[in-house]
Amino acid sequence: MTTTTRPAATTTIPGASGPARAFSGSMFTKTLFDNRRVFAVWALATGALAMMYGGFYPQITADSVASVPEAMRGFGLDDTASAAGYLQGAVFGLLIPLLVTFYGAATGARMISADEESGYLDLLLAHPIGRTRLLLHRFAALAAGAVAIAVVVLAAMLAIRSSAELDAISPANFTAQAVNLALLAILFGALATGLGAATGKSRPTVFGITAGLGVAAYALNGFAPQTGADWLRCLTPYHYYIGGEPLRNGLDLVDVAVLAVAAIILITAGAWRLNHRDLGR
């Protein structure tokens, strides 16, 4: 008489099928796999936009500098003649920070809110994964996507550094700006993820609140000098993102610490609240 033994059953994260099974060992890797196209599109689109506008620098003339409206000078467009000044305004001061703000808001709203809204969150938590662990793994994947955006933007800037006459900016200073860019995206991702975890609001609501706060802070940072209230800038994350002019001065550890600590506080508050409320309410 022969006996057969069955292989031990393994528990896979719900929703894993096909190639996704190879990434279902943890919620972090599964989230990365599930959002791989989203992260890739954000990174490539942001990098392409940065490269395109960065490449315009050799075409900047004295007339174009003089034509900048006074109201826009608070957005970093007060010194478009120098390479660092141009990039700080036209690229890293206007377009790119708004894009990563929307990345953080849109991706953060997917992490918890979308699952709770669809009822998938209950299915996830029926498996051996705690609420805090789920939140942190999801947020880590969001942070990885933010780092990918920053790396692609950095690579794009270094690729055109010589051809676009941006040699006055060192690779180290480009890297410093990329670090701040990643932290800005992570901060707004922490706000959206934490807000969804704490309140249970729907995905569109979480995105709308986060994006609205981001745009309001962006406008405050840009227009505060016009009202003579420069100190208001210190209340916005954009001041710590670009106020230290990393393209000129390199990495400012205080600015980095402020952005990182703010993100930690937001995600910690969201995790605490998620563990103390009834889901679906």
Protein backbone atom coordinates (compact mmCIF):
# COMPACT_ATOMS: atom_id res chain seq x y z
CA MET A 1 0.00 0.00 0.00
CA THR A 2 1.42 3.31 -0.95
CA THR A 3 0.58 6.62 0.49
CA THR A 4 0.74 9.92 -1.22
CA THR A 5 1.50 13.15 0.44
CA ARG A 6 -0.04 16.35 -0.63
CA PRO A 7 2.11 19.45 -0.84
CA ALA A 8 1.57 21.89 1.94
CA ALA A 9 -1.00 24.50 1.13
CA THR A 10 0.25 28.00 0.70
CA THR A 11 -1.66 31.12 1.32
CA THR A 12 -1.52 33.63 -1.48
CA ILE A 13 -2.70 37.16 -1.39
CA PRO A 14 -6.15 37.41 -3.00
CA GLY A 15 -6.15 38.64 -6.55
CA ALA A 16 -2.81 37.06 -7.43
CA SER A 17 -2.91 35.05 -10.64
CA GLY A 18 -0.55 34.21 -13.45
CA PRO A 19 2.73 36.16 -13.29
CA ALA A 20 1.43 38.01 -10.23
CA ARG A 21 1.94 34.88 -8.13
CA ALA A 22 5.68 35.42 -8.28
CA PHE A 23 5.17 38.82 -6.65
CA SER A 24 2.53 37.82 -4.12
CA GLY A 25 4.98 36.96 -1.34
CA SER A 26 4.27 40.29 0.30
CA MET A 27 1.78 43.08 -0.09
CA PHE A 28 4.65 45.41 -1.04
CA THR A 29 5.74 43.38 -4.06
CA LYS A 30 2.16 42.66 -5.10
CA THR A 31 1.31 46.36 -4.97
CA LEU A 32 4.37 47.14 -7.07
CA PHE A 33 3.34 44.51 -9.61
CA ASP A 34 -0.30 45.61 -9.75
CA ASN A 35 0.69 49.25 -10.26
CA ARG A 36 3.71 48.68 -12.49
CA ARG A 37 2.11 50.32 -15.52
CA VAL A 38 0.82 53.26 -13.50
CA PHE A 39 4.24 53.87 -11.96
CA ALA A 40 5.97 53.51 -15.32
CA VAL A 41 3.64 55.99 -17.03
CA TRP A 42 4.08 58.58 -14.27
CA ALA A 43 7.86 58.21 -14.32
CA LEU A 44 8.25 58.30 -18.10
CA ALA A 45 5.80 61.18 -18.58
CA THR A 46 7.43 63.28 -15.87
CA GLY A 47 10.92 62.54 -17.17
CA ALA A 48 9.93 63.39 -20.74
CA LEU A 49 8.37 66.68 -19.68
CA ALA A 50 11.43 67.62 -17.64
CA MET A 51 13.72 66.77 -20.55
CA MET A 52 11.61 68.73 -23.03
CA TYR A 53 11.45 71.93 -20.99
CA GLY A 54 15.04 71.60 -19.80
CA GLY A 55 16.16 71.42 -23.41
CA PHE A 56 14.66 74.85 -24.11
CA TYR A 57 17.29 76.61 -21.97
CA PRO A 58 19.68 77.51 -24.86
CA GLN A 59 16.82 79.39 -26.53
CA ILE A 60 16.26 81.69 -23.56
CA THR A 61 17.04 85.32 -24.41
CA ALA A 62 17.10 88.59 -22.49
CA ASP A 63 13.76 89.52 -24.00
CA SER A 64 12.12 86.32 -22.80
CA VAL A 65 13.47 86.92 -19.31
CA ALA A 66 12.10 90.47 -19.27
CA SER A 67 8.69 89.28 -20.46
CA VAL A 68 8.08 87.13 -17.37
CA PRO A 69 5.06 88.59 -15.50
CA GLU A 70 5.83 89.96 -12.06
CA ALA A 71 3.20 87.70 -10.51
CA MET A 72 5.09 84.61 -11.72
CA ARG A 73 8.42 85.54 -10.17
CA GLY A 74 7.38 83.95 -6.89
CA PHE A 75 7.33 80.59 -8.68
CA GLY A 76 11.08 80.75 -9.31
CA LEU A 77 10.95 82.66 -12.60
CA ASP A 78 12.94 85.62 -11.30
CA ASP A 79 16.26 84.35 -12.69
CA THR A 80 15.73 82.50 -15.93
CA ALA A 81 19.05 83.69 -17.39
CA SER A 82 21.16 81.19 -15.44
CA ALA A 83 20.84 77.43 -15.91
CA ALA A 84 19.95 76.80 -12.25
CA GLY A 85 17.51 79.71 -12.22
CA TYR A 86 15.78 78.57 -15.38
CA LEU A 87 15.37 74.97 -14.23
CA GLN A 88 14.31 76.05 -10.75
CA GLY A 89 11.49 78.05 -12.28
CA ALA A 90 10.33 76.60 -15.58
CA VAL A 91 10.95 72.93 -14.76
CA PHE A 92 11.28 72.18 -11.05
CA GLY A 93 9.26 75.17 -9.88
CA LEU A 94 6.20 75.10 -12.14
CA LEU A 95 5.39 71.83 -13.86
CA ILE A 96 7.21 68.97 -12.18
CA PRO A 97 6.11 69.68 -8.57
CA LEU A 98 2.47 69.80 -9.63
CA LEU A 99 2.82 66.49 -11.46
CA VAL A 100 4.34 64.71 -8.46
CA THR A 101 1.70 66.28 -6.22
CA PHE A 102 -1.01 64.72 -8.37
CA TYR A 103 0.94 61.46 -8.42
CA GLY A 104 0.93 61.36 -4.63
CA ALA A 105 -2.76 62.28 -4.45
CA ALA A 106 -3.89 59.80 -7.12
CA THR A 107 -1.72 56.90 -6.02
CA GLY A 108 -2.32 57.46 -2.31
CA ALA A 109 -6.07 57.46 -2.90
CA ARG A 110 -5.71 53.98 -4.47
CA MET A 111 -3.80 52.44 -1.58
CA ILE A 112 -6.57 52.08 1.03
CA SER A 113 -9.61 54.10 -0.07
CA ALA A 114 -10.15 52.23 -3.34
CA ASP A 115 -9.99 48.85 -1.61
CA GLU A 116 -12.35 49.87 1.17
CA GLU A 117 -14.79 51.40 -1.29
CA SER A 118 -14.92 48.20 -3.35
CA GLY A 119 -15.04 45.86 -0.36
CA TYR A 120 -11.70 44.29 -1.28
CA LEU A 121 -10.12 45.54 1.96
CA ASP A 122 -12.20 43.13 4.05
CA LEU A 123 -11.00 40.24 1.89
CA LEU A 124 -7.38 41.31 2.29
CA LEU A 125 -7.63 41.60 6.06
CA ALA A 126 -9.23 38.15 6.30
CA HIS A 127 -5.75 36.84 5.48
CA PRO A 128 -2.84 36.92 7.95
CA ILE A 129 -1.89 40.54 7.38
CA GLY A 130 -2.57 43.26 9.92
CA ARG A 131 -3.95 46.67 9.16
CA THR A 132 -0.71 48.50 9.95
CA ARG A 133 1.37 46.09 7.91
CA LEU A 134 -1.01 46.42 4.97
CA LEU A 135 -0.85 50.19 5.12
CA LEU A 136 2.94 50.32 5.40
CA HIS A 137 3.47 47.87 2.55
CA ARG A 138 1.11 49.82 0.32
CA PHE A 139 2.79 53.09 1.25
CA ALA A 140 6.26 51.61 0.65
CA ALA A 141 5.19 50.72 -2.89
CA LEU A 142 3.94 54.28 -3.41
CA ALA A 143 7.30 55.58 -2.15
CA ALA A 144 9.12 53.27 -4.55
CA GLY A 145 7.09 54.75 -7.39
CA ALA A 146 8.05 58.25 -6.24
CA VAL A 147 11.72 57.28 -6.22
CA ALA A 148 11.33 55.86 -9.74
CA ILE A 149 9.93 59.21 -10.92
CA ALA A 150 12.85 61.07 -9.35
CA VAL A 151 15.40 58.67 -10.86
CA VAL A 152 13.92 59.02 -14.36
CA VAL A 153 13.85 62.82 -14.06
CA LEU A 154 17.46 62.80 -12.85
CA ALA A 155 18.51 60.57 -15.73
CA ALA A 156 16.70 62.85 -18.19
CA MET A 157 18.47 65.94 -16.84
CA LEU A 158 21.89 64.29 -16.92
CA ALA A 159 21.23 63.06 -20.46
CA ILE A 160 20.72 66.62 -21.78
CA ARG A 161 23.13 68.33 -19.38
CA SER A 162 25.77 69.02 -22.04
CA SER A 163 23.59 69.48 -25.11
CA ALA A 164 21.24 71.89 -23.29
CA GLU A 165 24.16 73.88 -21.83
CA LEU A 166 23.33 72.93 -18.25
CA ASP A 167 26.93 72.09 -17.33
CA ALA A 168 26.96 74.82 -14.67
CA ILE A 169 24.82 72.51 -12.52
CA SER A 170 26.76 69.61 -11.05
CA PRO A 171 25.41 66.04 -11.06
CA ALA A 172 25.39 66.22 -7.26
CA ASN A 173 23.07 69.23 -7.31
CA PHE A 174 20.79 67.54 -9.84
CA THR A 175 20.69 64.58 -7.48
CA ALA A 176 19.80 66.87 -4.56
CA GLN A 177 16.86 68.24 -6.53
CA ALA A 178 15.75 64.70 -7.40
CA VAL A 179 15.83 63.71 -3.71
CA ASN A 180 13.59 66.64 -2.83
CA LEU A 181 11.29 65.75 -5.72
CA ALA A 182 10.88 62.19 -4.44
CA LEU A 183 10.19 63.44 -0.92
CA LEU A 184 7.53 65.88 -2.17
CA ALA A 185 5.72 63.05 -3.96
CA ILE A 186 6.04 60.83 -0.89
CA LEU A 187 4.66 63.57 1.36
CA PHE A 188 1.48 64.01 -0.68
CA GLY A 189 1.24 60.24 -1.04
CA ALA A 190 1.38 59.99 2.74
CA LEU A 191 -1.33 62.62 3.03
CA ALA A 192 -3.67 60.78 0.63
CA THR A 193 -2.92 57.32 2.05
CA GLY A 194 -3.24 58.50 5.63
CA LEU A 195 -6.42 60.43 4.90
CA GLY A 196 -8.05 57.43 3.26
CA ALA A 197 -6.97 55.13 6.08
CA ALA A 198 -8.16 57.51 8.79
CA THR A 199 -11.53 58.52 7.35
CA GLY A 200 -12.68 55.72 5.04
CA LYS A 201 -13.68 58.32 2.46
CA SER A 202 -14.07 57.31 -1.17
CA ARG A 203 -11.18 57.40 -3.59
CA PRO A 204 -12.41 60.49 -5.51
CA THR A 205 -12.95 62.36 -2.24
CA VAL A 206 -9.48 61.55 -0.94
CA PHE A 207 -7.91 62.51 -4.24
CA GLY A 208 -9.89 65.76 -4.40
CA ILE A 209 -8.97 66.82 -0.87
CA THR A 210 -5.30 65.97 -1.28
CA ALA A 211 -4.95 67.56 -4.71
CA GLY A 212 -6.89 70.62 -3.54
CA LEU A 213 -4.61 71.10 -0.54
CA GLY A 214 -1.60 70.61 -2.79
CA VAL A 215 -2.70 73.23 -5.30
CA ALA A 216 -3.60 75.66 -2.50
CA ALA A 217 -0.18 75.21 -0.90
CA TYR A 218 1.48 75.58 -4.30
CA ALA A 219 -0.36 78.85 -4.97
CA LEU A 220 0.41 80.14 -1.47
CA ASN A 221 4.10 79.42 -1.93
CA GLY A 222 4.13 81.20 -5.27
CA PHE A 223 2.01 84.25 -4.49
CA ALA A 224 3.05 84.92 -0.88
CA PRO A 225 5.93 87.21 -1.95
CA GLN A 226 3.48 89.38 -3.89
CA THR A 227 1.64 90.15 -0.65
CA GLY A 228 4.77 90.81 1.36
CA ALA A 229 4.15 87.73 3.51
CA ASP A 230 7.14 85.56 2.61
CA TRP A 231 6.87 83.81 5.99
CA LEU A 232 3.73 82.04 4.75
CA ARG A 233 5.95 79.99 2.46
CA CYS A 234 7.33 78.19 5.50
CA LEU A 235 3.87 76.68 6.00
CA THR A 236 3.98 74.87 2.65
CA PRO A 237 5.96 71.77 1.66
CA TYR A 238 7.04 73.49 -1.55
CA HIS A 239 9.24 75.85 0.42
CA TYR A 240 11.22 72.88 1.76
CA TYR A 241 11.19 71.24 -1.64
CA ILE A 242 12.80 74.09 -3.57
CA GLY A 243 13.24 77.10 -1.25
CA GLY A 244 16.82 76.07 -0.44
CA GLU A 245 17.65 76.09 -4.18
CA PRO A 246 19.23 72.63 -4.34
CA LEU A 247 20.29 73.15 -7.97
CA ARG A 248 22.59 75.90 -6.70
CA ASN A 249 23.35 74.90 -3.13
CA GLY A 250 23.02 71.13 -3.07
CA LEU A 251 21.17 69.04 -0.52
CA ASP A 252 19.79 70.84 2.54
CA LEU A 253 19.43 68.29 5.32
CA VAL A 254 16.96 70.46 7.22
CA ASP A 255 14.60 70.63 4.23
CA VAL A 256 14.96 66.89 3.70
CA ALA A 257 14.20 66.23 7.37
CA VAL A 258 11.09 68.43 7.35
CA LEU A 259 9.60 66.67 4.31
CA ALA A 260 10.47 63.21 5.63
CA VAL A 261 9.18 63.84 9.15
CA ALA A 262 5.94 65.33 7.83
CA ALA A 263 5.36 62.22 5.71
CA ILE A 264 6.08 59.94 8.68
CA ILE A 265 3.65 61.85 10.90
CA LEU A 266 0.88 61.65 8.29
CA ILE A 267 1.25 57.94 7.62
CA THR A 268 1.59 57.17 11.34
CA ALA A 269 -1.59 59.08 12.13
CA GLY A 270 -3.39 57.24 9.33
CA ALA A 271 -2.19 53.87 10.59
CA TRP A 272 -3.26 54.63 14.15
CA ARG A 273 -6.73 55.70 13.08
CA LEU A 274 -7.10 52.72 10.73
CA ASN A 275 -6.50 50.41 13.69
CA HIS A 276 -9.14 52.16 15.82
CA ARG A 277 -12.15 52.46 13.54
CA ASP A 278 -14.75 50.20 11.99
CA LEU A 279 -14.08 49.58 8.34
CA GLY A 280 -16.68 50.60 5.81
CA ARG A 281 -17.95 53.49 7.93
